PDB file of N, CA and C in Angstrom:
ATOM      1  N   MET A   1      -2.519  38.871 -55.209  1.00  0.00           N
ATOM      2  CA  MET A   1      -3.458  39.965 -55.344  1.00  0.00           C
ATOM      3  C   MET A   1      -2.862  40.935 -56.363  1.00  0.00           C
ATOM      4  N   SER A   2      -3.672  41.397 -57.290  1.00  0.00           N
ATOM      5  CA  SER A   2      -3.153  42.331 -58.289  1.00  0.00           C
ATOM      6  C   SER A   2      -2.773  43.650 -57.625  1.00  0.00           C
ATOM      7  N   SER A   3      -1.894  44.364 -58.274  1.00  0.00           N
ATOM      8  CA  SER A   3      -1.364  45.599 -57.696  1.00  0.00           C
ATOM      9  C   SER A   3      -2.473  46.605 -57.376  1.00  0.00           C
ATOM     10  N   LEU A   4      -3.424  46.777 -58.278  1.00  0.00           N
ATOM     11  CA  LEU A   4      -4.504  47.736 -58.060  1.00  0.00           C
ATOM     12  C   LEU A   4      -5.412  47.290 -56.907  1.00  0.00           C
ATOM     13  N   ALA A   5      -5.786  46.025 -56.898  1.00  0.00           N
ATOM     14  CA  ALA A   5      -6.639  45.514 -55.822  1.00  0.00           C
ATOM     15  C   ALA A   5      -5.926  45.609 -54.482  1.00  0.00           C
ATOM     16  N   PHE A   6      -4.646  45.338 -54.483  1.00  0.00           N
ATOM     17  CA  PHE A   6      -3.857  45.414 -53.265  1.00  0.00           C
ATOM     18  C   PHE A   6      -3.851  46.837 -52.716  1.00  0.00           C
ATOM     19  N   LYS A   7      -3.596  47.803 -53.574  1.00  0.00           N
ATOM     20  CA  LYS A   7      -3.573  49.198 -53.119  1.00  0.00           C
ATOM     21  C   LYS A   7      -4.955  49.633 -52.631  1.00  0.00           C
ATOM     22  N   ARG A   8      -6.008  49.194 -53.268  1.00  0.00           N
ATOM     23  CA  ARG A   8      -7.368  49.540 -52.820  1.00  0.00           C
ATOM     24  C   ARG A   8      -7.639  48.933 -51.453  1.00  0.00           C
ATOM     25  N   PHE A   9      -7.202  47.715 -51.239  1.00  0.00           N
ATOM     26  CA  PHE A   9      -7.351  47.067 -49.941  1.00  0.00           C
ATOM     27  C   PHE A   9      -6.664  47.901 -48.860  1.00  0.00           C
ATOM     28  N   ILE A  10      -5.433  48.331 -49.133  1.00  0.00           N
ATOM     29  CA  ILE A  10      -4.698  49.140 -48.160  1.00  0.00           C
ATOM     30  C   ILE A  10      -5.376  50.495 -47.965  1.00  0.00           C
ATOM     31  N   ASP A  11      -5.881  51.085 -49.035  1.00  0.00           N
ATOM     32  CA  ASP A  11      -6.609  52.352 -48.925  1.00  0.00           C
ATOM     33  C   ASP A  11      -7.768  52.227 -47.950  1.00  0.00           C
ATOM     34  N   ILE A  12      -8.556  51.188 -48.121  1.00  0.00           N
ATOM     35  CA  ILE A  12      -9.731  50.984 -47.267  1.00  0.00           C
ATOM     36  C   ILE A  12      -9.303  50.727 -45.819  1.00  0.00           C
ATOM     37  N   ALA A  13      -8.330  49.854 -45.639  1.00  0.00           N
ATOM     38  CA  ALA A  13      -7.852  49.550 -44.292  1.00  0.00           C
ATOM     39  C   ALA A  13      -7.319  50.799 -43.607  1.00  0.00           C
ATOM     40  N   ALA A  14      -6.563  51.617 -44.330  1.00  0.00           N
ATOM     41  CA  ALA A  14      -5.995  52.835 -43.751  1.00  0.00           C
ATOM     42  C   ALA A  14      -7.096  53.806 -43.344  1.00  0.00           C
ATOM     43  N   LEU A  15      -8.071  53.997 -44.203  1.00  0.00           N
ATOM     44  CA  LEU A  15      -9.157  54.941 -43.905  1.00  0.00           C
ATOM     45  C   LEU A  15     -10.032  54.479 -42.748  1.00  0.00           C
ATOM     46  N   LEU A  16     -10.157  53.167 -42.592  1.00  0.00           N
ATOM     47  CA  LEU A  16     -10.976  52.618 -41.505  1.00  0.00           C
ATOM     48  C   LEU A  16     -10.152  52.301 -40.252  1.00  0.00           C
ATOM     49  N   SER A  17      -8.870  52.627 -40.296  1.00  0.00           N
ATOM     50  CA  SER A  17      -7.941  52.352 -39.185  1.00  0.00           C
ATOM     51  C   SER A  17      -7.919  50.879 -38.793  1.00  0.00           C
ATOM     52  N   ILE A  18      -7.990  50.010 -39.782  1.00  0.00           N
ATOM     53  CA  ILE A  18      -7.890  48.569 -39.559  1.00  0.00           C
ATOM     54  C   ILE A  18      -6.418  48.192 -39.580  1.00  0.00           C
ATOM     55  N   GLU A  19      -5.984  47.453 -38.558  1.00  0.00           N
ATOM     56  CA  GLU A  19      -4.583  47.031 -38.477  1.00  0.00           C
ATOM     57  C   GLU A  19      -4.247  46.096 -39.642  1.00  0.00           C
ATOM     58  N   VAL A  20      -3.204  46.458 -40.382  1.00  0.00           N
ATOM     59  CA  VAL A  20      -2.751  45.661 -41.517  1.00  0.00           C
ATOM     60  C   VAL A  20      -1.232  45.535 -41.454  1.00  0.00           C
ATOM     61  N   GLU A  21      -0.749  44.317 -41.588  1.00  0.00           N
ATOM     62  CA  GLU A  21       0.684  44.053 -41.694  1.00  0.00           C
ATOM     63  C   GLU A  21       0.926  43.571 -43.120  1.00  0.00           C
ATOM     64  N   VAL A  22       1.651  44.333 -43.888  1.00  0.00           N
ATOM     65  CA  VAL A  22       1.983  43.974 -45.263  1.00  0.00           C
ATOM     66  C   VAL A  22       3.385  43.375 -45.257  1.00  0.00           C
ATOM     67  N   VAL A  23       3.494  42.132 -45.685  1.00  0.00           N
ATOM     68  CA  VAL A  23       4.786  41.461 -45.802  1.00  0.00           C
ATOM     69  C   VAL A  23       5.093  41.376 -47.289  1.00  0.00           C
ATOM     70  N   THR A  24       6.236  41.929 -47.671  1.00  0.00           N
ATOM     71  CA  THR A  24       6.531  41.990 -49.097  1.00  0.00           C
ATOM     72  C   THR A  24       8.011  41.768 -49.383  1.00  0.00           C
ATOM     73  N   ASP A  25       8.281  41.284 -50.584  1.00  0.00           N
ATOM     74  CA  ASP A  25       9.661  41.195 -51.068  1.00  0.00           C
ATOM     75  C   ASP A  25      10.144  42.599 -51.371  1.00  0.00           C
ATOM     76  N   ASN A  26      11.456  42.793 -51.330  1.00  0.00           N
ATOM     77  CA  ASN A  26      11.984  44.105 -51.721  1.00  0.00           C
ATOM     78  C   ASN A  26      12.319  44.149 -53.209  1.00  0.00           C
ATOM     79  N   ASP A  27      12.289  42.990 -53.872  1.00  0.00           N
ATOM     80  CA  ASP A  27      12.550  42.865 -55.312  1.00  0.00           C
ATOM     81  C   ASP A  27      13.855  43.518 -55.739  1.00  0.00           C
ATOM     82  N   GLY A  28      14.795  43.647 -54.827  1.00  0.00           N
ATOM     83  CA  GLY A  28      16.107  44.175 -55.155  1.00  0.00           C
ATOM     84  C   GLY A  28      16.191  45.682 -55.272  1.00  0.00           C
ATOM     85  N   ASP A  29      15.125  46.385 -54.855  1.00  0.00           N
ATOM     86  CA  ASP A  29      15.125  47.848 -54.957  1.00  0.00           C
ATOM     87  C   ASP A  29      14.270  48.434 -53.836  1.00  0.00           C
ATOM     88  N   VAL A  30      14.881  48.619 -52.674  1.00  0.00           N
ATOM     89  CA  VAL A  30      14.166  49.107 -51.492  1.00  0.00           C
ATOM     90  C   VAL A  30      13.613  50.507 -51.721  1.00  0.00           C
ATOM     91  N   SER A  31      14.366  51.367 -52.360  1.00  0.00           N
ATOM     92  CA  SER A  31      13.880  52.743 -52.566  1.00  0.00           C
ATOM     93  C   SER A  31      12.637  52.753 -53.458  1.00  0.00           C
ATOM     94  N   ARG A  32      12.573  51.878 -54.449  1.00  0.00           N
ATOM     95  CA  ARG A  32      11.377  51.799 -55.293  1.00  0.00           C
ATOM     96  C   ARG A  32      10.182  51.311 -54.478  1.00  0.00           C
ATOM     97  N   LEU A  33      10.412  50.320 -53.632  1.00  0.00           N
ATOM     98  CA  LEU A  33       9.349  49.804 -52.776  1.00  0.00           C
ATOM     99  C   LEU A  33       8.846  50.894 -51.840  1.00  0.00           C
ATOM    100  N   GLU A  34       9.764  51.594 -51.193  1.00  0.00           N
ATOM    101  CA  GLU A  34       9.368  52.657 -50.265  1.00  0.00           C
ATOM    102  C   GLU A  34       8.658  53.788 -50.987  1.00  0.00           C
ATOM    103  N   ASN A  35       9.083  54.103 -52.175  1.00  0.00           N
ATOM    104  CA  ASN A  35       8.414  55.142 -52.955  1.00  0.00           C
ATOM    105  C   ASN A  35       7.002  54.713 -53.354  1.00  0.00           C
ATOM    106  N   ARG A  36       6.841  53.455 -53.715  1.00  0.00           N
ATOM    107  CA  ARG A  36       5.531  52.934 -54.133  1.00  0.00           C
ATOM    108  C   ARG A  36       4.507  53.040 -52.998  1.00  0.00           C
ATOM    109  N   TYR A  37       4.956  52.831 -51.749  1.00  0.00           N
ATOM    110  CA  TYR A  37       4.025  52.794 -50.625  1.00  0.00           C
ATOM    111  C   TYR A  37       4.163  53.971 -49.671  1.00  0.00           C
ATOM    112  N   LYS A  38       4.870  54.998 -50.055  1.00  0.00           N
ATOM    113  CA  LYS A  38       5.139  56.132 -49.162  1.00  0.00           C
ATOM    114  C   LYS A  38       3.870  56.800 -48.643  1.00  0.00           C
ATOM    115  N   ASP A  39       2.799  56.796 -49.408  1.00  0.00           N
ATOM    116  CA  ASP A  39       1.546  57.427 -48.974  1.00  0.00           C
ATOM    117  C   ASP A  39       0.911  56.722 -47.780  1.00  0.00           C
ATOM    118  N   TYR A  40       1.321  55.491 -47.525  1.00  0.00           N
ATOM    119  CA  TYR A  40       0.721  54.713 -46.440  1.00  0.00           C
ATOM    120  C   TYR A  40       1.552  54.735 -45.164  1.00  0.00           C
ATOM    121  N   PHE A  41       2.778  55.208 -45.229  1.00  0.00           N
ATOM    122  CA  PHE A  41       3.666  55.170 -44.064  1.00  0.00           C
ATOM    123  C   PHE A  41       3.185  56.076 -42.927  1.00  0.00           C
ATOM    124  N   ASN A  42       2.311  57.025 -43.218  1.00  0.00           N
ATOM    125  CA  ASN A  42       1.800  57.922 -42.182  1.00  0.00           C
ATOM    126  C   ASN A  42       0.547  57.394 -41.490  1.00  0.00           C
ATOM    127  N   PHE A  43       0.056  56.256 -41.943  1.00  0.00           N
ATOM    128  CA  PHE A  43      -1.117  55.654 -41.309  1.00  0.00           C
ATOM    129  C   PHE A  43      -0.634  54.683 -40.232  1.00  0.00           C
ATOM    130  N   PRO A  44      -0.946  54.958 -38.965  1.00  0.00           N
ATOM    131  CA  PRO A  44      -0.441  54.095 -37.893  1.00  0.00           C
ATOM    132  C   PRO A  44      -0.994  52.676 -37.934  1.00  0.00           C
ATOM    133  N   SER A  45      -2.103  52.448 -38.612  1.00  0.00           N
ATOM    134  CA  SER A  45      -2.693  51.109 -38.648  1.00  0.00           C
ATOM    135  C   SER A  45      -2.099  50.237 -39.759  1.00  0.00           C
ATOM    136  N   VAL A  46      -1.288  50.827 -40.631  1.00  0.00           N
ATOM    137  CA  VAL A  46      -0.703  50.078 -41.746  1.00  0.00           C
ATOM    138  C   VAL A  46       0.801  49.993 -41.546  1.00  0.00           C
ATOM    139  N   ASP A  47       1.304  48.765 -41.539  1.00  0.00           N
ATOM    140  CA  ASP A  47       2.734  48.559 -41.347  1.00  0.00           C
ATOM    141  C   ASP A  47       3.269  47.682 -42.471  1.00  0.00           C
ATOM    142  N   PHE A  48       4.406  48.052 -43.006  1.00  0.00           N
ATOM    143  CA  PHE A  48       5.062  47.296 -44.070  1.00  0.00           C
ATOM    144  C   PHE A  48       6.294  46.616 -43.506  1.00  0.00           C
ATOM    145  N   GLU A  49       6.432  45.342 -43.778  1.00  0.00           N
ATOM    146  CA  GLU A  49       7.595  44.578 -43.346  1.00  0.00           C
ATOM    147  C   GLU A  49       8.312  44.047 -44.580  1.00  0.00           C
ATOM    148  N   TYR A  50       9.598  44.363 -44.665  1.00  0.00           N
ATOM    149  CA  TYR A  50      10.451  43.884 -45.748  1.00  0.00           C
ATOM    150  C   TYR A  50      11.885  43.963 -45.254  1.00  0.00           C
ATOM    151  N   ASP A  51      12.764  43.253 -45.921  1.00  0.00           N
ATOM    152  CA  ASP A  51      14.177  43.276 -45.553  1.00  0.00           C
ATOM    153  C   ASP A  51      14.878  44.303 -46.434  1.00  0.00           C
ATOM    154  N   ASN A  52      15.772  45.069 -45.854  1.00  0.00           N
ATOM    155  CA  ASN A  52      16.518  46.078 -46.602  1.00  0.00           C
ATOM    156  C   ASN A  52      17.660  45.497 -47.427  1.00  0.00           C
ATOM    157  N   ASP A  53      17.948  44.230 -47.270  1.00  0.00           N
ATOM    158  CA  ASP A  53      19.034  43.581 -47.996  1.00  0.00           C
ATOM    159  C   ASP A  53      18.597  43.325 -49.438  1.00  0.00           C
ATOM    160  N   GLU A  54      19.072  44.158 -50.344  1.00  0.00           N
ATOM    161  CA  GLU A  54      18.660  44.052 -51.746  1.00  0.00           C
ATOM    162  C   GLU A  54      19.252  42.836 -52.453  1.00  0.00           C
ATOM    163  N   THR A  55      20.231  42.168 -51.826  1.00  0.00           N
ATOM    164  CA  THR A  55      20.753  40.940 -52.425  1.00  0.00           C
ATOM    165  C   THR A  55      19.839  39.754 -52.132  1.00  0.00           C
ATOM    166  N   ALA A  56      18.969  39.891 -51.142  1.00  0.00           N
ATOM    167  CA  ALA A  56      17.992  38.853 -50.796  1.00  0.00           C
ATOM    168  C   ALA A  56      16.618  39.403 -51.130  1.00  0.00           C
ATOM    169  N   LYS A  57      16.324  39.452 -52.429  1.00  0.00           N
ATOM    170  CA  LYS A  57      15.167  40.214 -52.900  1.00  0.00           C
ATOM    171  C   LYS A  57      13.820  39.493 -52.834  1.00  0.00           C
ATOM    172  N   THR A  58      13.839  38.172 -52.653  1.00  0.00           N
ATOM    173  CA  THR A  58      12.581  37.425 -52.572  1.00  0.00           C
ATOM    174  C   THR A  58      12.652  36.425 -51.412  1.00  0.00           C
ATOM    175  N   LEU A  59      11.586  35.686 -51.217  1.00  0.00           N
ATOM    176  CA  LEU A  59      11.512  34.754 -50.086  1.00  0.00           C
ATOM    177  C   LEU A  59      12.610  33.699 -50.113  1.00  0.00           C
ATOM    178  N   GLU A  60      12.926  33.166 -51.281  1.00  0.00           N
ATOM    179  CA  GLU A  60      13.902  32.082 -51.350  1.00  0.00           C
ATOM    180  C   GLU A  60      15.272  32.498 -50.812  1.00  0.00           C
ATOM    181  N   PRO A  61      15.857  33.603 -51.282  1.00  0.00           N
ATOM    182  CA  PRO A  61      17.135  34.000 -50.683  1.00  0.00           C
ATOM    183  C   PRO A  61      17.001  34.426 -49.223  1.00  0.00           C
ATOM    184  N   GLN A  62      15.833  34.896 -48.831  1.00  0.00           N
ATOM    185  CA  GLN A  62      15.612  35.244 -47.424  1.00  0.00           C
ATOM    186  C   GLN A  62      15.646  33.984 -46.554  1.00  0.00           C
ATOM    187  N   LEU A  63      15.037  32.910 -47.034  1.00  0.00           N
ATOM    188  CA  LEU A  63      15.073  31.652 -46.290  1.00  0.00           C
ATOM    189  C   LEU A  63      16.499  31.122 -46.191  1.00  0.00           C
ATOM    190  N   LEU A  64      17.243  31.226 -47.271  1.00  0.00           N
ATOM    191  CA  LEU A  64      18.639  30.795 -47.258  1.00  0.00           C
ATOM    192  C   LEU A  64      19.466  31.666 -46.314  1.00  0.00           C
ATOM    193  N   LYS A  65      19.245  32.964 -46.366  1.00  0.00           N
ATOM    194  CA  LYS A  65      19.967  33.902 -45.491  1.00  0.00           C
ATOM    195  C   LYS A  65      19.694  33.596 -44.017  1.00  0.00           C
ATOM    196  N   SER A  66      18.481  33.235 -43.681  1.00  0.00           N
ATOM    197  CA  SER A  66      18.092  32.974 -42.290  1.00  0.00           C
ATOM    198  C   SER A  66      18.515  31.603 -41.783  1.00  0.00           C
ATOM    199  N   ASN A  67      18.783  30.677 -42.716  1.00  0.00           N
ATOM    200  CA  ASN A  67      19.007  29.300 -42.295  1.00  0.00           C
ATOM    201  C   ASN A  67      20.313  28.660 -42.754  1.00  0.00           C
ATOM    202  N   GLY A  68      20.890  29.152 -43.810  1.00  0.00           N
ATOM    203  CA  GLY A  68      22.131  28.580 -44.319  1.00  0.00           C
ATOM    204  C   GLY A  68      21.912  27.411 -45.261  1.00  0.00           C
ATOM    205  N   LEU A  69      22.942  27.125 -46.018  1.00  0.00           N
ATOM    206  CA  LEU A  69      22.903  26.094 -47.054  1.00  0.00           C
ATOM    207  C   LEU A  69      22.586  24.711 -46.501  1.00  0.00           C
ATOM    208  N   GLU A  70      23.227  24.347 -45.401  1.00  0.00           N
ATOM    209  CA  GLU A  70      23.054  23.006 -44.845  1.00  0.00           C
ATOM    210  C   GLU A  70      21.612  22.740 -44.411  1.00  0.00           C
ATOM    211  N   ILE A  71      21.030  23.663 -43.684  1.00  0.00           N
ATOM    212  CA  ILE A  71      19.654  23.469 -43.189  1.00  0.00           C
ATOM    213  C   ILE A  71      18.657  23.461 -44.346  1.00  0.00           C
ATOM    214  N   VAL A  72      18.797  24.402 -45.285  1.00  0.00           N
ATOM    215  CA  VAL A  72      17.852  24.444 -46.406  1.00  0.00           C
ATOM    216  C   VAL A  72      17.982  23.181 -47.249  1.00  0.00           C
ATOM    217  N   ASN A  73      19.204  22.728 -47.518  1.00  0.00           N
ATOM    218  CA  ASN A  73      19.391  21.455 -48.227  1.00  0.00           C
ATOM    219  C   ASN A  73      18.685  20.322 -47.493  1.00  0.00           C
ATOM    220  N   SER A  74      18.834  20.270 -46.177  1.00  0.00           N
ATOM    221  CA  SER A  74      18.205  19.206 -45.383  1.00  0.00           C
ATOM    222  C   SER A  74      16.687  19.261 -45.493  1.00  0.00           C
ATOM    223  N   ILE A  75      16.128  20.441 -45.388  1.00  0.00           N
ATOM    224  CA  ILE A  75      14.675  20.591 -45.472  1.00  0.00           C
ATOM    225  C   ILE A  75      14.161  20.150 -46.834  1.00  0.00           C
ATOM    226  N   LEU A  76      14.897  20.505 -47.880  1.00  0.00           N
ATOM    227  CA  LEU A  76      14.460  20.187 -49.242  1.00  0.00           C
ATOM    228  C   LEU A  76      14.873  18.788 -49.684  1.00  0.00           C
ATOM    229  N   GLY A  77      15.682  18.102 -48.876  1.00  0.00           N
ATOM    230  CA  GLY A  77      16.153  16.778 -49.265  1.00  0.00           C
ATOM    231  C   GLY A  77      17.123  16.842 -50.435  1.00  0.00           C
ATOM    232  N   LYS A  78      17.934  17.867 -50.470  1.00  0.00           N
ATOM    233  CA  LYS A  78      18.884  18.098 -51.563  1.00  0.00           C
ATOM    234  C   LYS A  78      20.293  18.165 -51.018  1.00  0.00           C
ATOM    235  N   SER A  79      21.266  18.254 -51.918  1.00  0.00           N
ATOM    236  CA  SER A  79      22.664  18.352 -51.495  1.00  0.00           C
ATOM    237  C   SER A  79      23.423  19.313 -52.410  1.00  0.00           C
ATOM    238  N   PHE A  80      22.856  20.475 -52.639  1.00  0.00           N
ATOM    239  CA  PHE A  80      23.522  21.463 -53.478  1.00  0.00           C
ATOM    240  C   PHE A  80      24.808  21.929 -52.788  1.00  0.00           C
ATOM    241  N   GLN A  81      25.841  22.110 -53.574  1.00  0.00           N
ATOM    242  CA  GLN A  81      27.140  22.522 -53.048  1.00  0.00           C
ATOM    243  C   GLN A  81      27.276  24.036 -52.963  1.00  0.00           C
ATOM    244  N   THR A  82      26.479  24.757 -53.760  1.00  0.00           N
ATOM    245  CA  THR A  82      26.579  26.220 -53.752  1.00  0.00           C
ATOM    246  C   THR A  82      25.217  26.850 -53.497  1.00  0.00           C
ATOM    247  N   GLU A  83      25.250  28.027 -52.913  1.00  0.00           N
ATOM    248  CA  GLU A  83      24.006  28.771 -52.684  1.00  0.00           C
ATOM    249  C   GLU A  83      23.329  29.117 -54.005  1.00  0.00           C
ATOM    250  N   GLY A  84      24.120  29.432 -55.019  1.00  0.00           N
ATOM    251  CA  GLY A  84      23.555  29.774 -56.323  1.00  0.00           C
ATOM    252  C   GLY A  84      22.749  28.637 -56.923  1.00  0.00           C
ATOM    253  N   ASP A  85      23.300  27.415 -56.853  1.00  0.00           N
ATOM    254  CA  ASP A  85      22.572  26.254 -57.379  1.00  0.00           C
ATOM    255  C   ASP A  85      21.295  26.002 -56.580  1.00  0.00           C
ATOM    256  N   LEU A  86      21.401  26.142 -55.264  1.00  0.00           N
ATOM    257  CA  LEU A  86      20.223  25.950 -54.414  1.00  0.00           C
ATOM    258  C   LEU A  86      19.152  26.993 -54.731  1.00  0.00           C
ATOM    259  N   LEU A  87      19.554  28.242 -54.849  1.00  0.00           N
ATOM    260  CA  LEU A  87      18.585  29.308 -55.149  1.00  0.00           C
ATOM    261  C   LEU A  87      17.938  29.119 -56.509  1.00  0.00           C
ATOM    262  N   SER A  88      18.694  28.631 -57.487  1.00  0.00           N
ATOM    263  CA  SER A  88      18.114  28.358 -58.812  1.00  0.00           C
ATOM    264  C   SER A  88      17.035  27.290 -58.700  1.00  0.00           C
ATOM    265  N   PHE A  89      17.329  26.233 -57.944  1.00  0.00           N
ATOM    266  CA  PHE A  89      16.341  25.177 -57.731  1.00  0.00           C
ATOM    267  C   PHE A  89      15.102  25.735 -57.038  1.00  0.00           C
ATOM    268  N   MET A  90      15.316  26.513 -55.988  1.00  0.00           N
ATOM    269  CA  MET A  90      14.189  27.057 -55.229  1.00  0.00           C
ATOM    270  C   MET A  90      13.330  27.976 -56.092  1.00  0.00           C
ATOM    271  N   ALA A  91      13.956  28.785 -56.927  1.00  0.00           N
ATOM    272  CA  ALA A  91      13.207  29.704 -57.788  1.00  0.00           C
ATOM    273  C   ALA A  91      12.374  28.952 -58.822  1.00  0.00           C
ATOM    274  N   GLU A  92      12.865  27.816 -59.269  1.00  0.00           N
ATOM    275  CA  GLU A  92      12.146  27.020 -60.267  1.00  0.00           C
ATOM    276  C   GLU A  92      11.092  26.103 -59.639  1.00  0.00           C
ATOM    277  N   ASN A  93      11.123  25.961 -58.322  1.00  0.00           N
ATOM    278  CA  ASN A  93      10.227  25.033 -57.621  1.00  0.00           C
ATOM    279  C   ASN A  93       9.648  25.696 -56.379  1.00  0.00           C
ATOM    280  N   LYS A  94       9.116  26.893 -56.539  1.00  0.00           N
ATOM    281  CA  LYS A  94       8.662  27.707 -55.406  1.00  0.00           C
ATOM    282  C   LYS A  94       7.634  26.999 -54.527  1.00  0.00           C
ATOM    283  N   THR A  95       6.614  26.445 -55.123  1.00  0.00           N
ATOM    284  CA  THR A  95       5.544  25.811 -54.350  1.00  0.00           C
ATOM    285  C   THR A  95       6.065  24.591 -53.604  1.00  0.00           C
ATOM    286  N   GLU A  96       6.790  23.733 -54.299  1.00  0.00           N
ATOM    287  CA  GLU A  96       7.362  22.534 -53.670  1.00  0.00           C
ATOM    288  C   GLU A  96       8.253  22.914 -52.484  1.00  0.00           C
ATOM    289  N   CYS A  97       9.089  23.913 -52.676  1.00  0.00           N
ATOM    290  CA  CYS A  97      10.001  24.339 -51.604  1.00  0.00           C
ATOM    291  C   CYS A  97       9.236  24.911 -50.415  1.00  0.00           C
ATOM    292  N   ALA A  98       8.250  25.736 -50.687  1.00  0.00           N
ATOM    293  CA  ALA A  98       7.456  26.318 -49.601  1.00  0.00           C
ATOM    294  C   ALA A  98       6.772  25.214 -48.791  1.00  0.00           C
ATOM    295  N   LEU A  99       6.210  24.246 -49.466  1.00  0.00           N
ATOM    296  CA  LEU A  99       5.545  23.146 -48.758  1.00  0.00           C
ATOM    297  C   LEU A  99       6.525  22.352 -47.912  1.00  0.00           C
ATOM    298  N   LYS A 100       7.725  22.140 -48.403  1.00  0.00           N
ATOM    299  CA  LYS A 100       8.737  21.406 -47.628  1.00  0.00           C
ATOM    300  C   LYS A 100       9.055  22.138 -46.321  1.00  0.00           C
ATOM    301  N   PHE A 101       9.106  23.465 -46.372  1.00  0.00           N
ATOM    302  CA  PHE A 101       9.372  24.227 -45.145  1.00  0.00           C
ATOM    303  C   PHE A 101       8.218  24.068 -44.153  1.00  0.00           C
ATOM    304  N   PHE A 102       6.995  24.002 -44.625  1.00  0.00           N
ATOM    305  CA  PHE A 102       5.859  23.863 -43.721  1.00  0.00           C
ATOM    306  C   PHE A 102       5.682  22.442 -43.204  1.00  0.00           C
ATOM    307  N   GLU A 103       6.173  21.463 -43.948  1.00  0.00           N
ATOM    308  CA  GLU A 103       5.991  20.069 -43.567  1.00  0.00           C
ATOM    309  C   GLU A 103       7.147  19.492 -42.760  1.00  0.00           C
ATOM    310  N   THR A 104       8.274  20.171 -42.721  1.00  0.00           N
ATOM    311  CA  THR A 104       9.477  19.602 -42.111  1.00  0.00           C
ATOM    312  C   THR A 104       9.419  19.552 -40.586  1.00  0.00           C
ATOM    313  N   ASP A 105      10.139  18.579 -40.040  1.00  0.00           N
ATOM    314  CA  ASP A 105      10.345  18.501 -38.595  1.00  0.00           C
ATOM    315  C   ASP A 105      11.666  19.152 -38.207  1.00  0.00           C
ATOM    316  N   ILE A 106      12.442  19.556 -39.207  1.00  0.00           N
ATOM    317  CA  ILE A 106      13.734  20.205 -38.972  1.00  0.00           C
ATOM    318  C   ILE A 106      13.484  21.629 -38.489  1.00  0.00           C
ATOM    319  N   SER A 107      14.185  22.019 -37.462  1.00  0.00           N
ATOM    320  CA  SER A 107      14.042  23.373 -36.928  1.00  0.00           C
ATOM    321  C   SER A 107      14.657  24.375 -37.907  1.00  0.00           C
ATOM    322  N   TRP A 108      13.908  25.432 -38.209  1.00  0.00           N
ATOM    323  CA  TRP A 108      14.406  26.466 -39.122  1.00  0.00           C
ATOM    324  C   TRP A 108      13.938  27.824 -38.650  1.00  0.00           C
ATOM    325  N   SER A 109      14.624  28.859 -39.105  1.00  0.00           N
ATOM    326  CA  SER A 109      14.328  30.231 -38.679  1.00  0.00           C
ATOM    327  C   SER A 109      13.533  30.987 -39.735  1.00  0.00           C
ATOM    328  N   VAL A 110      12.486  31.617 -39.280  1.00  0.00           N
ATOM    329  CA  VAL A 110      11.672  32.468 -40.142  1.00  0.00           C
ATOM    330  C   VAL A 110      12.449  33.764 -40.383  1.00  0.00           C
ATOM    331  N   PRO A 111      12.475  34.262 -41.626  1.00  0.00           N
ATOM    332  CA  PRO A 111      13.150  35.543 -41.879  1.00  0.00           C
ATOM    333  C   PRO A 111      12.604  36.641 -40.961  1.00  0.00           C
ATOM    334  N   THR A 112      13.486  37.519 -40.524  1.00  0.00           N
ATOM    335  CA  THR A 112      13.154  38.540 -39.530  1.00  0.00           C
ATOM    336  C   THR A 112      11.967  39.402 -39.934  1.00  0.00           C
ATOM    337  N   TYR A 113      11.903  39.839 -41.179  1.00  0.00           N
ATOM    338  CA  TYR A 113      10.804  40.714 -41.582  1.00  0.00           C
ATOM    339  C   TYR A 113       9.456  40.023 -41.497  1.00  0.00           C
ATOM    340  N   ILE A 114       9.429  38.718 -41.660  1.00  0.00           N
ATOM    341  CA  ILE A 114       8.170  37.981 -41.512  1.00  0.00           C
ATOM    342  C   ILE A 114       7.861  37.815 -40.032  1.00  0.00           C
ATOM    343  N   LYS A 115       8.872  37.507 -39.228  1.00  0.00           N
ATOM    344  CA  LYS A 115       8.682  37.432 -37.763  1.00  0.00           C
ATOM    345  C   LYS A 115       8.104  38.724 -37.222  1.00  0.00           C
ATOM    346  N   ASN A 116       8.629  39.837 -37.705  1.00  0.00           N
ATOM    347  CA  ASN A 116       8.159  41.147 -37.237  1.00  0.00           C
ATOM    348  C   ASN A 116       6.666  41.315 -37.496  1.00  0.00           C
ATOM    349  N   ALA A 117       6.180  40.828 -38.593  1.00  0.00           N
ATOM    350  CA  ALA A 117       4.759  40.970 -38.922  1.00  0.00           C
ATOM    351  C   ALA A 117       3.894  40.023 -38.110  1.00  0.00           C
ATOM    352  N   VAL A 118       4.380  38.832 -37.865  1.00  0.00           N
ATOM    353  CA  VAL A 118       3.579  37.809 -37.209  1.00  0.00           C
ATOM    354  C   VAL A 118       3.618  37.909 -35.691  1.00  0.00           C
ATOM    355  N   TYR A 119       4.791  38.200 -35.143  1.00  0.00           N
ATOM    356  CA  TYR A 119       4.962  38.112 -33.694  1.00  0.00           C
ATOM    357  C   TYR A 119       4.932  39.447 -32.968  1.00  0.00           C
ATOM    358  N   GLU A 120       4.884  40.553 -33.664  1.00  0.00           N
ATOM    359  CA  GLU A 120       4.883  41.838 -32.956  1.00  0.00           C
ATOM    360  C   GLU A 120       3.513  42.453 -32.938  1.00  0.00           C
TER     361      GLU A 120
END
């Protein structure tokens, strides 16, 4: 969703008191993210979920952080020796990697900020 359309969606939801859970990457700058959405933090129907760990700025490092190198390698059918190599692969193959997580029979942990949005 484009940035403008996204903000308009949140504007409407906030004004109508529609429950909205926004799950977002922190993009390596939590203060910028919080500043961008600060006008919505006072609306009880709008909740933002993100991880404060700026070293895990997108979904791929969040999945690695929640599961570890061995499990992510197993899910992806890979054998990367370093987290850096694995993350490079994941960043270059986002769709393929996401589908592998949804199709796997291997038990894996959902990142906490996503759990908070889905299960709370």
